[in-house]
Amino acid sequence: MQTTSSVGVNETPEDAKTGAPNHPVVGNTDLCAIASEAAGRTISPSLYNIDLAPTKAKGRKWTSYSIFTLWANDVHSLGNYAFAIGLFSLGLGGWQILVALGIGAVLLFALLNFSGFMGQKTGVPFPVMSRISFGIRGAQIASLVRGAVAVAWFGIQTYLASVVLRVLLVAVAPGLKDLDSNSILGLSTLGWFSFVALWIVQLVIVSFGMEMIRKYEAFAGPIILVTMAAIAVWVFIEAGGAIQWSGIKGLEGTEMWLTIFAGGALWVSIYGTFVLNFCDFTRSSTSKKSIVKGNFWGIPINMLVFGAIVVVMAGGQYKINGTVIQSPSDIVQSIPNTLLLVLACLALLILTIAVNLMANFVAPVYALTNLFPRHLNFRKAAWVSGTIGLIILPWNLYNNPIVIVYFLGGLGALLGPLFGVVMADYWLVRRGKVNVPELYSEDPKGAYFYKRGVNPKAIIAMLPAAAMAIAIAFIPALAAAAPFAWFIGAGVAALTYFVVADKKQVHEDVSGEPIAVASTH
């Protein structure tokens, strides 16, 4: 994790042994003073610190392979497998599932490129990026909504990983099963041990910053791809080389195509969180080309592989015993060989940690850092975020459908409108022109101060779109449109913002290099 300043430094000296940047340690107030002198304007300590500052263009390390391994992990998450297998339960056959995922993949490829380019150009994380459209204070709305969704899912995903760890431990040491029968605040003794162990592992990884996350994702990606492919091959062999290729409900005509397009739309909605804060990762990308290339292999190509594995797993298991599995963990638990079961469980643990780090940890860490830039850096915010993920007792949230559907679902419905406003402002209104230094200025005449730090036009555009998205998601009479709620919310917000925005205003394109820090994020 970056802990020291390189503002105003063109060449970054490195430690001879570790190769890590070696800068003099300065406090945040002194750092802002250096940045203010470099930028020729006052940089506020309440908006700027070492983690929120833009990254220098030179020395960025996120290559196309780094981007690819993000998707190699995230696409193959247990939650995504459960969703895709659910399409099989709805009655879609093999080719229909592939078409649904293909539609979603093409849309995601485009959306993620547009979102990623923003981070690559400016070098700033999402909370700072959202200041462009929502204002230096209004941006707290966007970052906290994204962070709240993520921190809850961090806890839930850690709990789901702990369930896999319990299976592994009992398989290795059957005597531990006695510790899995009691309940302390809703979790067994073995459950608490498994959860806290994984919780600590993730916090330790995140404590070393985004560079360690990049390295972990690069390590985990190939393991996950090989493991999932191996499980699919094992199922295919067990099924005698045959799978259930056609849908189990015989969907045809209009009903079939509506289900296919709904599946593709929901696939995009699953990534509604990620398309919003993809700049947290691409701010350290080496080039636009690296983003496009990484996204190409990680989204359409990787999702095609993912779809093939889903079809083989679900269709093969259906051929074996006529049942539809819920996720790959169901197959893993049925592996008769203890060694293979343990190896498969370890792979699922590596996968879940990788997904959690990228999808559910980075966003709340940056949100908290943005909320208290004077007091929190990446490491401290990681521990605060992780602690919240623990004290909310996430297993109780996961077992409460009302919380999952209404609280997390309601917050999730806000992500589409947020994305619509940010993208319309950046690409349609400003045409990609950003005055990066002014994103850290409290000057009332600054480009992003608006009215008391909040852009009322962004709020005007977001609120009706959010209300519409929530209504579509929760009102039974609108159930047919529910799969498309994210698109409707994003589209309405983008159109509304484009209509109400001041398109005559002249926007400056000013680089953030003078106040940038070494790219170790």
Protein backbone atom coordinates (compact mmCIF):
# COMPACT_ATOMS: atom_id res chain seq x y z
CA MET A 1 0.00 0.00 0.00
CA GLN A 2 1.19 3.50 -0.85
CA THR A 3 1.92 5.36 2.37
CA THR A 4 4.13 8.21 1.28
CA SER A 5 4.06 11.01 -1.20
CA SER A 6 5.47 11.33 -4.66
CA VAL A 7 3.66 14.55 -5.51
CA GLY A 8 5.84 16.69 -7.71
CA VAL A 9 8.40 13.91 -8.14
CA ASN A 10 9.04 12.80 -11.71
CA GLU A 11 11.34 9.90 -10.94
CA THR A 12 10.49 7.59 -8.04
CA PRO A 13 13.51 6.16 -6.18
CA GLU A 14 13.15 2.54 -5.18
CA ASP A 15 14.37 0.52 -2.25
CA ALA A 16 17.26 -1.66 -3.40
CA LYS A 17 15.95 -4.79 -1.68
CA THR A 18 12.21 -4.63 -2.15
CA GLY A 19 11.83 -2.48 -5.26
CA ALA A 20 9.12 -0.52 -3.41
CA PRO A 21 8.83 3.26 -3.76
CA ASN A 22 10.90 4.95 -1.09
CA HIS A 23 9.61 8.46 -0.39
CA PRO A 24 9.87 10.66 2.68
CA VAL A 25 6.85 10.18 4.92
CA VAL A 26 4.70 13.30 5.22
CA GLY A 27 1.38 14.00 6.92
CA ASN A 28 -1.76 14.70 4.95
CA THR A 29 -1.62 18.44 5.65
CA ASP A 30 1.94 18.67 4.35
CA LEU A 31 1.01 16.47 1.39
CA CYS A 32 -1.81 18.86 0.48
CA ALA A 33 0.57 21.82 0.80
CA ILE A 34 2.96 20.17 -1.67
CA ALA A 35 0.07 19.36 -4.01
CA SER A 36 -1.29 22.91 -3.74
CA GLU A 37 2.06 24.37 -4.75
CA ALA A 38 2.34 21.94 -7.66
CA ALA A 39 -1.21 22.62 -8.90
CA GLY A 40 -1.19 26.37 -8.37
CA ARG A 41 -4.44 26.20 -6.38
CA THR A 42 -5.49 25.15 -2.88
CA ILE A 43 -5.88 21.37 -2.50
CA SER A 44 -8.15 20.57 0.45
CA PRO A 45 -7.15 17.98 3.10
CA SER A 46 -10.84 17.07 3.36
CA LEU A 47 -10.80 15.93 -0.29
CA TYR A 48 -7.27 14.68 -0.88
CA ASN A 49 -4.96 12.09 0.59
CA ILE A 50 -2.43 9.56 -0.68
CA ASP A 51 -5.14 7.05 -1.66
CA LEU A 52 -7.60 9.49 -3.25
CA ALA A 53 -4.95 11.34 -5.27
CA PRO A 54 -4.66 10.56 -9.00
CA THR A 55 -2.04 8.00 -9.97
CA LYS A 56 0.95 8.98 -12.08
CA ALA A 57 0.76 7.76 -15.68
CA LYS A 58 4.32 6.47 -15.46
CA GLY A 59 4.77 3.27 -13.47
CA ARG A 60 1.23 1.91 -13.71
CA LYS A 61 1.15 -1.89 -13.46
CA TRP A 62 -2.35 -3.09 -14.37
CA THR A 63 -1.82 -4.76 -17.74
CA SER A 64 -4.36 -6.56 -19.94
CA TYR A 65 -3.52 -9.76 -18.02
CA SER A 66 -4.33 -8.01 -14.74
CA ILE A 67 -7.74 -6.98 -16.09
CA PHE A 68 -8.32 -10.46 -17.53
CA THR A 69 -7.63 -12.16 -14.19
CA LEU A 70 -10.18 -9.90 -12.49
CA TRP A 71 -12.81 -11.45 -14.73
CA ALA A 72 -11.26 -14.93 -14.61
CA ASN A 73 -12.09 -14.83 -10.91
CA ASP A 74 -15.27 -12.79 -10.76
CA VAL A 75 -17.12 -14.39 -13.67
CA HIS A 76 -16.56 -17.83 -12.16
CA SER A 77 -17.88 -16.87 -8.71
CA LEU A 78 -20.25 -19.28 -6.97
CA GLY A 79 -22.98 -16.66 -7.09
CA ASN A 80 -22.69 -16.38 -10.87
CA TYR A 81 -22.82 -20.15 -11.24
CA ALA A 82 -25.95 -20.21 -9.10
CA PHE A 83 -27.52 -17.54 -11.33
CA ALA A 84 -26.61 -19.24 -14.62
CA ILE A 85 -27.72 -22.65 -13.38
CA GLY A 86 -30.96 -20.93 -12.38
CA LEU A 87 -31.53 -20.21 -16.09
CA PHE A 88 -31.45 -23.97 -16.62
CA SER A 89 -34.08 -24.32 -13.88
CA LEU A 90 -36.23 -21.71 -15.65
CA GLY A 91 -36.30 -23.97 -18.69
CA LEU A 92 -33.50 -22.66 -20.94
CA GLY A 93 -31.45 -25.27 -22.74
CA GLY A 94 -27.75 -25.26 -23.57
CA TRP A 95 -27.71 -22.97 -26.61
CA GLN A 96 -30.30 -20.67 -25.05
CA ILE A 97 -28.17 -20.17 -21.92
CA LEU A 98 -25.16 -19.41 -24.11
CA VAL A 99 -27.16 -16.83 -26.09
CA ALA A 100 -28.43 -15.17 -22.88
CA LEU A 101 -24.92 -14.95 -21.44
CA GLY A 102 -23.59 -13.78 -24.82
CA ILE A 103 -26.07 -10.88 -24.93
CA GLY A 104 -25.05 -9.85 -21.44
CA ALA A 105 -21.35 -10.23 -22.28
CA VAL A 106 -21.52 -7.93 -25.32
CA LEU A 107 -23.33 -5.23 -23.33
CA LEU A 108 -20.92 -5.55 -20.41
CA PHE A 109 -17.90 -5.36 -22.69
CA ALA A 110 -19.09 -1.98 -23.99
CA LEU A 111 -20.14 -0.59 -20.59
CA LEU A 112 -16.94 -1.66 -18.84
CA ASN A 113 -14.76 -0.13 -21.55
CA PHE A 114 -16.49 3.24 -21.22
CA SER A 115 -16.27 3.07 -17.43
CA GLY A 116 -12.68 1.87 -17.48
CA PHE A 117 -11.46 4.59 -19.86
CA MET A 118 -12.55 7.20 -17.31
CA GLY A 119 -10.25 5.75 -14.66
CA GLN A 120 -7.34 5.27 -17.03
CA LYS A 121 -7.44 8.91 -18.17
CA THR A 122 -7.93 10.63 -14.81
CA GLY A 123 -6.18 8.14 -12.50
CA VAL A 124 -8.77 8.70 -9.75
CA PRO A 125 -10.91 6.19 -7.78
CA PHE A 126 -14.70 6.10 -8.04
CA PRO A 127 -15.53 8.38 -5.06
CA VAL A 128 -13.42 11.12 -6.65
CA MET A 129 -14.73 10.33 -10.14
CA SER A 130 -18.31 10.82 -8.96
CA ARG A 131 -17.43 14.36 -7.77
CA ILE A 132 -17.43 15.35 -11.45
CA SER A 133 -21.19 14.92 -11.77
CA PHE A 134 -22.45 15.01 -8.16
CA GLY A 135 -20.12 17.67 -6.71
CA ILE A 136 -17.32 17.44 -4.17
CA ARG A 137 -19.82 16.74 -1.35
CA GLY A 138 -22.66 15.16 -3.29
CA ALA A 139 -20.25 12.41 -4.37
CA GLN A 140 -20.59 10.96 -0.88
CA ILE A 141 -24.06 9.77 -1.90
CA ALA A 142 -22.76 7.71 -4.80
CA SER A 143 -19.74 6.25 -3.01
CA LEU A 144 -21.62 5.38 0.20
CA VAL A 145 -24.47 3.65 -1.65
CA ARG A 146 -21.93 1.59 -3.60
CA GLY A 147 -19.92 0.95 -0.42
CA ALA A 148 -22.94 -0.07 1.69
CA VAL A 149 -23.99 -2.70 -0.84
CA ALA A 150 -20.43 -4.02 -1.04
CA VAL A 151 -19.70 -4.20 2.69
CA ALA A 152 -22.86 -6.25 3.31
CA TRP A 153 -21.98 -8.64 0.50
CA PHE A 154 -18.40 -8.85 1.76
CA GLY A 155 -19.72 -10.29 5.01
CA ILE A 156 -22.16 -12.59 3.25
CA GLN A 157 -19.56 -13.92 0.79
CA THR A 158 -17.10 -14.49 3.64
CA TYR A 159 -19.80 -16.50 5.41
CA LEU A 160 -20.48 -18.58 2.27
CA ALA A 161 -16.74 -19.24 1.95
CA SER A 162 -16.64 -20.29 5.62
CA VAL A 163 -19.28 -22.94 4.83
CA VAL A 164 -16.91 -24.42 2.24
CA LEU A 165 -14.05 -24.28 4.77
CA ARG A 166 -16.21 -26.18 7.29
CA VAL A 167 -16.81 -28.92 4.72
CA LEU A 168 -13.08 -29.11 4.10
CA LEU A 169 -12.18 -29.26 7.80
CA VAL A 170 -14.74 -31.96 8.58
CA ALA A 171 -13.52 -34.00 5.59
CA VAL A 172 -9.93 -33.82 6.88
CA ALA A 173 -10.80 -34.22 10.57
CA PRO A 174 -14.27 -35.84 11.03
CA GLY A 175 -14.04 -35.29 14.79
CA LEU A 176 -14.58 -31.55 14.22
CA LYS A 177 -18.19 -32.27 13.25
CA ASP A 178 -19.12 -32.08 16.95
CA LEU A 179 -18.12 -28.40 16.92
CA ASP A 180 -20.57 -27.73 14.11
CA SER A 181 -23.77 -28.58 15.98
CA ASN A 182 -24.12 -25.70 18.47
CA SER A 183 -25.13 -22.08 17.90
CA ILE A 184 -23.50 -18.85 19.11
CA LEU A 185 -25.29 -15.80 17.71
CA GLY A 186 -26.51 -17.97 14.85
CA LEU A 187 -23.20 -19.66 14.02
CA SER A 188 -21.57 -22.85 15.34
CA THR A 189 -18.16 -22.91 17.02
CA LEU A 190 -16.60 -24.38 13.88
CA GLY A 191 -18.52 -21.81 11.85
CA TRP A 192 -17.08 -18.96 13.93
CA PHE A 193 -13.56 -20.35 13.59
CA SER A 194 -13.94 -20.70 9.81
CA PHE A 195 -15.48 -17.26 9.36
CA VAL A 196 -12.92 -15.40 11.50
CA ALA A 197 -10.01 -17.25 9.86
CA LEU A 198 -11.13 -16.21 6.37
CA TRP A 199 -11.96 -12.71 7.62
CA ILE A 200 -8.39 -12.28 8.90
CA VAL A 201 -6.84 -13.67 5.70
CA GLN A 202 -8.74 -11.17 3.57
CA LEU A 203 -7.91 -8.23 5.82
CA VAL A 204 -4.23 -9.10 5.77
CA ILE A 205 -4.23 -9.21 1.95
CA VAL A 206 -6.08 -5.89 1.66
CA SER A 207 -3.77 -4.28 4.23
CA PHE A 208 -1.02 -4.42 1.61
CA GLY A 209 -3.11 -2.36 -0.81
CA MET A 210 -4.27 -2.66 -4.39
CA GLU A 211 -0.95 -4.00 -5.65
CA MET A 212 -1.31 -7.07 -3.43
CA ILE A 213 -4.88 -7.51 -4.65
CA ARG A 214 -3.59 -7.40 -8.24
CA LYS A 215 -1.04 -10.09 -7.45
CA TYR A 216 -3.61 -12.27 -5.69
CA GLU A 217 -6.04 -12.02 -8.60
CA ALA A 218 -3.23 -12.98 -11.00
CA PHE A 219 -2.43 -15.99 -8.83
CA ALA A 220 -6.03 -17.11 -8.39
CA GLY A 221 -7.31 -16.68 -11.96
CA PRO A 222 -5.64 -19.70 -13.62
CA ILE A 223 -6.42 -21.92 -10.61
CA ILE A 224 -10.12 -21.13 -10.86
CA LEU A 225 -10.33 -21.72 -14.61
CA VAL A 226 -8.57 -25.09 -14.36
CA THR A 227 -10.63 -26.18 -11.34
CA MET A 228 -14.01 -25.33 -12.84
CA ALA A 229 -13.10 -26.96 -16.14
CA ALA A 230 -11.94 -30.07 -14.26
CA ILE A 231 -15.24 -30.28 -12.32
CA ALA A 232 -17.17 -29.97 -15.59
CA VAL A 233 -15.10 -32.76 -17.18
CA TRP A 234 -15.66 -34.98 -14.13
CA VAL A 235 -19.44 -34.44 -14.34
CA PHE A 236 -19.38 -35.13 -18.10
CA ILE A 237 -17.57 -38.43 -17.53
CA GLU A 238 -19.92 -39.40 -14.68
CA ALA A 239 -22.88 -38.68 -16.99
CA GLY A 240 -21.50 -41.11 -19.55
CA GLY A 241 -20.53 -38.42 -22.03
CA ALA A 242 -24.07 -37.05 -22.36
CA ILE A 243 -25.78 -33.89 -21.11
CA GLN A 244 -29.29 -32.46 -21.07
CA TRP A 245 -28.93 -30.02 -23.98
CA SER A 246 -32.55 -28.98 -24.45
CA GLY A 247 -34.58 -27.05 -21.88
CA ILE A 248 -36.32 -29.07 -19.20
CA LYS A 249 -39.55 -27.06 -19.57
CA GLY A 250 -39.75 -26.92 -23.35
CA LEU A 251 -39.88 -23.14 -23.69
CA GLU A 252 -40.62 -21.94 -27.22
CA GLY A 253 -41.36 -18.81 -29.21
CA THR A 254 -41.99 -15.52 -27.44
CA GLU A 255 -41.73 -16.98 -23.93
CA MET A 256 -38.33 -18.48 -24.73
CA TRP A 257 -36.90 -15.26 -26.16
CA LEU A 258 -38.26 -13.14 -23.32
CA THR A 259 -36.53 -15.48 -20.87
CA ILE A 260 -33.30 -15.30 -22.88
CA PHE A 261 -33.29 -11.49 -22.98
CA ALA A 262 -34.30 -11.30 -19.32
CA GLY A 263 -31.37 -13.57 -18.48
CA GLY A 264 -28.98 -11.35 -20.47
CA ALA A 265 -30.31 -8.21 -18.76
CA LEU A 266 -29.99 -9.76 -15.29
CA TRP A 267 -26.44 -10.81 -16.14
CA VAL A 268 -25.62 -7.14 -16.72
CA SER A 269 -27.47 -6.15 -13.53
CA ILE A 270 -25.27 -8.51 -11.52
CA TYR A 271 -22.33 -6.37 -12.63
CA GLY A 272 -24.18 -3.11 -11.94
CA THR A 273 -21.88 -2.59 -8.96
CA PHE A 274 -18.70 -3.28 -10.90
CA VAL A 275 -19.40 -1.11 -13.94
CA LEU A 276 -19.90 1.76 -11.50
CA ASN A 277 -16.50 1.59 -9.79
CA PHE A 278 -14.36 -0.16 -12.41
CA CYS A 279 -12.18 2.96 -12.40
CA ASP A 280 -10.90 1.88 -8.95
CA PHE A 281 -8.86 -0.69 -10.89
CA THR A 282 -8.29 0.96 -14.27
CA ARG A 283 -6.84 4.08 -12.63
CA SER A 284 -3.62 2.06 -12.65
CA SER A 285 -4.03 0.61 -16.16
CA THR A 286 -1.11 1.03 -18.52
CA SER A 287 -3.28 2.10 -21.48
CA LYS A 288 -6.76 2.05 -23.01
CA LYS A 289 -5.60 -0.85 -25.15
CA SER A 290 -4.83 -2.90 -22.04
CA ILE A 291 -8.39 -2.30 -20.80
CA VAL A 292 -9.98 -3.31 -24.10
CA LYS A 293 -7.77 -6.38 -24.48
CA GLY A 294 -8.24 -7.47 -20.85
CA ASN A 295 -12.00 -6.95 -21.08
CA PHE A 296 -12.21 -8.81 -24.40
CA TRP A 297 -10.56 -11.95 -23.08
CA GLY A 298 -12.15 -11.59 -19.66
CA ILE A 299 -15.74 -10.81 -20.68
CA PRO A 300 -17.01 -12.27 -24.00
CA ILE A 301 -14.37 -15.02 -24.33
CA ASN A 302 -14.21 -15.95 -20.65
CA MET A 303 -18.01 -15.80 -20.34
CA LEU A 304 -18.32 -18.19 -23.29
CA VAL A 305 -16.09 -20.64 -21.39
CA PHE A 306 -18.14 -20.00 -18.24
CA GLY A 307 -21.38 -20.70 -20.13
CA ALA A 308 -20.00 -23.95 -21.54
CA ILE A 309 -19.00 -25.09 -18.04
CA VAL A 310 -22.47 -24.21 -16.71
CA VAL A 311 -24.20 -26.14 -19.48
CA VAL A 312 -22.03 -29.22 -18.88
CA MET A 313 -22.38 -29.06 -15.09
CA ALA A 314 -26.13 -28.49 -15.00
CA GLY A 315 -26.98 -30.66 -18.00
CA GLY A 316 -24.61 -33.46 -16.97
CA GLN A 317 -25.86 -33.60 -13.37
CA TYR A 318 -29.46 -33.65 -14.67
CA LYS A 319 -28.57 -36.65 -16.82
CA ILE A 320 -27.01 -38.40 -13.82
CA ASN A 321 -29.91 -38.19 -11.37
CA GLY A 322 -32.61 -35.91 -12.77
CA THR A 323 -31.90 -33.08 -10.34
CA VAL A 324 -30.81 -29.49 -10.92
CA ILE A 325 -27.84 -28.40 -8.80
CA GLN A 326 -27.72 -24.94 -7.24
CA SER A 327 -23.96 -24.31 -7.51
CA PRO A 328 -20.65 -26.12 -8.10
CA SER A 329 -20.32 -26.59 -4.33
CA ASP A 330 -23.13 -29.17 -4.54
CA ILE A 331 -20.98 -31.20 -6.93
CA VAL A 332 -17.83 -30.73 -4.84
CA GLN A 333 -19.53 -32.10 -1.72
CA SER A 334 -20.43 -35.27 -3.64
CA ILE A 335 -16.82 -36.04 -4.70
CA PRO A 336 -16.05 -39.45 -3.17
CA ASN A 337 -12.26 -39.01 -3.01
CA THR A 338 -11.22 -37.04 0.11
CA LEU A 339 -8.05 -35.64 -1.46
CA LEU A 340 -9.89 -34.40 -4.55
CA LEU A 341 -12.66 -32.97 -2.35
CA VAL A 342 -10.10 -31.06 -0.27
CA LEU A 343 -8.36 -29.70 -3.39
CA ALA A 344 -11.69 -28.62 -4.89
CA CYS A 345 -12.70 -26.92 -1.62
CA LEU A 346 -9.37 -25.08 -1.50
CA ALA A 347 -9.93 -23.85 -5.05
CA LEU A 348 -13.42 -22.60 -4.15
CA LEU A 349 -11.96 -20.78 -1.14
CA ILE A 350 -9.29 -19.14 -3.32
CA LEU A 351 -12.04 -18.15 -5.74
CA THR A 352 -14.39 -16.68 -3.14
CA ILE A 353 -11.61 -14.64 -1.54
CA ALA A 354 -10.56 -13.32 -4.97
CA VAL A 355 -14.13 -12.29 -5.80
CA ASN A 356 -14.66 -10.72 -2.40
CA LEU A 357 -11.48 -8.66 -2.58
CA MET A 358 -12.27 -7.11 -5.95
CA ALA A 359 -16.06 -6.83 -5.83
CA ASN A 360 -16.87 -6.25 -2.17
CA PHE A 361 -13.81 -4.82 -0.44
CA VAL A 362 -12.24 -2.14 -2.63
CA ALA A 363 -15.43 -0.05 -3.00
CA PRO A 364 -16.20 0.40 0.74
CA VAL A 365 -12.52 1.03 1.48
CA TYR A 366 -12.42 3.92 -0.97
CA ALA A 367 -15.84 5.14 0.22
CA LEU A 368 -14.62 5.32 3.83
CA THR A 369 -11.34 6.93 2.80
CA ASN A 370 -13.33 9.52 0.85
CA LEU A 371 -15.56 10.15 3.87
CA PHE A 372 -12.65 10.67 6.31
CA PRO A 373 -9.57 11.50 4.20
CA ARG A 374 -7.84 13.24 7.12
CA HIS A 375 -8.02 10.16 9.33
CA LEU A 376 -8.28 7.05 7.15
CA ASN A 377 -5.91 5.62 4.58
CA PHE A 378 -6.43 2.43 2.56
CA ARG A 379 -5.23 0.11 5.34
CA LYS A 380 -7.22 1.72 8.16
CA ALA A 381 -10.36 1.92 6.01
CA ALA A 382 -9.95 -1.78 5.16
CA TRP A 383 -10.03 -2.73 8.82
CA VAL A 384 -13.03 -0.48 9.49
CA SER A 385 -14.90 -1.95 6.51
CA GLY A 386 -13.99 -5.50 7.51
CA THR A 387 -15.09 -4.90 11.09
CA ILE A 388 -18.49 -3.66 9.91
CA GLY A 389 -18.75 -6.79 7.76
CA LEU A 390 -18.22 -8.86 10.90
CA ILE A 391 -20.42 -7.08 13.45
CA ILE A 392 -23.50 -7.12 11.16
CA LEU A 393 -23.48 -10.93 11.61
CA PRO A 394 -23.87 -11.51 7.85
CA TRP A 395 -25.10 -15.10 8.15
CA ASN A 396 -28.26 -13.75 9.74
CA LEU A 397 -28.66 -11.30 6.86
CA TYR A 398 -28.19 -14.10 4.33
CA ASN A 399 -30.85 -16.22 6.03
CA ASN A 400 -33.33 -13.31 6.09
CA PRO A 401 -34.98 -12.93 2.65
CA ILE A 402 -36.52 -9.60 3.65
CA VAL A 403 -33.10 -8.05 4.26
CA ILE A 404 -31.63 -9.48 1.07
CA VAL A 405 -34.55 -8.50 -1.14
CA TYR A 406 -35.63 -5.15 0.26
CA PHE A 407 -32.53 -3.62 1.84
CA LEU A 408 -29.76 -4.87 -0.46
CA GLY A 409 -32.12 -5.08 -3.43
CA GLY A 410 -33.31 -1.53 -2.82
CA LEU A 411 -29.78 -0.18 -2.60
CA GLY A 412 -28.86 -2.18 -5.69
CA ALA A 413 -31.70 -0.54 -7.62
CA LEU A 414 -29.99 2.83 -7.05
CA LEU A 415 -26.82 1.75 -8.86
CA GLY A 416 -28.35 1.97 -12.34
CA PRO A 417 -29.41 5.62 -11.96
CA LEU A 418 -26.03 6.50 -10.43
CA PHE A 419 -24.27 4.94 -13.40
CA GLY A 420 -26.57 6.75 -15.84
CA VAL A 421 -25.82 10.17 -14.34
CA VAL A 422 -22.05 9.64 -14.16
CA MET A 423 -21.77 8.31 -17.71
CA ALA A 424 -24.06 10.92 -19.28
CA ASP A 425 -22.17 13.73 -17.54
CA TYR A 426 -18.71 12.46 -18.46
CA TRP A 427 -19.26 11.28 -22.03
CA LEU A 428 -22.22 13.28 -23.36
CA VAL A 429 -22.07 16.61 -21.52
CA ARG A 430 -18.32 17.05 -20.86
CA ARG A 431 -17.07 14.90 -23.77
CA GLY A 432 -14.41 13.45 -21.48
CA LYS A 433 -12.98 16.81 -20.38
CA VAL A 434 -12.10 16.89 -16.68
CA ASN A 435 -10.20 19.43 -14.59
CA VAL A 436 -8.63 16.86 -12.26
CA PRO A 437 -6.97 19.26 -9.74
CA GLU A 438 -10.33 20.99 -9.11
CA LEU A 439 -11.80 17.66 -7.96
CA TYR A 440 -9.81 18.32 -4.78
CA SER A 441 -10.69 22.02 -4.38
CA GLU A 442 -13.24 23.58 -2.00
CA ASP A 443 -13.16 26.88 -3.85
CA PRO A 444 -16.82 28.03 -4.27
CA LYS A 445 -15.91 29.09 -7.81
CA GLY A 446 -14.47 25.66 -8.59
CA ALA A 447 -15.83 23.55 -11.44
CA TYR A 448 -17.26 20.91 -9.14
CA PHE A 449 -18.44 22.97 -6.17
CA TYR A 450 -21.89 23.59 -7.73
CA LYS A 451 -24.20 24.62 -4.83
CA ARG A 452 -22.58 24.00 -1.46
CA GLY A 453 -20.67 21.11 -2.97
CA VAL A 454 -23.71 19.34 -4.45
CA ASN A 455 -24.91 19.31 -8.06
CA PRO A 456 -28.72 19.65 -7.79
CA LYS A 457 -29.20 18.64 -11.43
CA ALA A 458 -27.57 15.26 -10.75
CA ILE A 459 -29.94 14.73 -7.82
CA ILE A 460 -32.93 15.80 -9.94
CA ALA A 461 -31.95 13.26 -12.59
CA MET A 462 -31.24 10.45 -10.14
CA LEU A 463 -34.27 10.56 -7.83
CA PRO A 464 -37.12 9.87 -10.29
CA ALA A 465 -35.04 7.23 -12.06
CA ALA A 466 -34.26 5.58 -8.71
CA ALA A 467 -37.94 5.64 -7.71
CA MET A 468 -38.85 4.06 -11.04
CA ALA A 469 -36.18 1.35 -10.72
CA ILE A 470 -37.25 0.48 -7.16
CA ALA A 471 -40.91 0.35 -8.18
CA ILE A 472 -40.15 -1.97 -11.08
CA ALA A 473 -38.04 -4.19 -8.84
CA PHE A 474 -40.60 -4.56 -6.05
CA ILE A 475 -44.16 -4.02 -7.34
CA PRO A 476 -45.64 -7.42 -8.34
CA ALA A 477 -47.68 -5.93 -11.21
CA LEU A 478 -44.41 -4.79 -12.85
CA ALA A 479 -42.68 -8.16 -12.43
CA ALA A 480 -42.32 -8.65 -16.20
CA ALA A 481 -40.09 -5.54 -16.38
CA ALA A 482 -38.08 -6.39 -13.24
CA PRO A 483 -35.14 -8.03 -15.08
CA PHE A 484 -34.66 -4.77 -17.00
CA ALA A 485 -34.83 -2.47 -13.94
CA TRP A 486 -31.11 -1.61 -14.06
CA PHE A 487 -31.29 -0.56 -17.72
CA ILE A 488 -34.48 1.44 -17.20
CA GLY A 489 -33.03 3.24 -14.18
CA ALA A 490 -29.73 3.98 -15.92
CA GLY A 491 -31.43 5.08 -19.15
CA VAL A 492 -33.97 7.37 -17.51
CA ALA A 493 -31.30 8.98 -15.31
CA ALA A 494 -28.92 9.50 -18.24
CA LEU A 495 -31.62 11.01 -20.46
CA THR A 496 -32.95 13.26 -17.70
CA TYR A 497 -29.47 14.50 -16.82
CA PHE A 498 -28.64 15.21 -20.44
CA VAL A 499 -31.84 17.28 -20.76
CA VAL A 500 -31.36 19.35 -17.58
CA ALA A 501 -27.55 19.77 -17.77
CA ASP A 502 -26.02 23.05 -18.90
CA LYS A 503 -24.61 22.05 -22.28
CA LYS A 504 -23.37 25.58 -23.05
CA GLN A 505 -20.83 25.53 -20.25
CA VAL A 506 -17.19 25.35 -21.37
CA HIS A 507 -15.29 22.48 -19.74
CA GLU A 508 -11.54 22.48 -19.23
CA ASP A 509 -9.41 19.37 -19.66
CA VAL A 510 -6.62 19.66 -17.07
CA SER A 511 -4.29 16.78 -16.21
CA GLY A 512 -3.87 15.61 -12.63
CA GLU A 513 -0.16 14.76 -13.12
CA PRO A 514 1.10 17.72 -11.01
CA ILE A 515 -0.72 16.36 -7.94
CA ALA A 516 -0.45 12.66 -8.80
CA VAL A 517 1.23 10.01 -6.65
CA ALA A 518 3.18 6.91 -7.59
CA SER A 519 0.93 4.18 -8.97
CA THR A 520 1.12 1.50 -6.30
CA HIS A 521 -2.65 1.21 -5.99
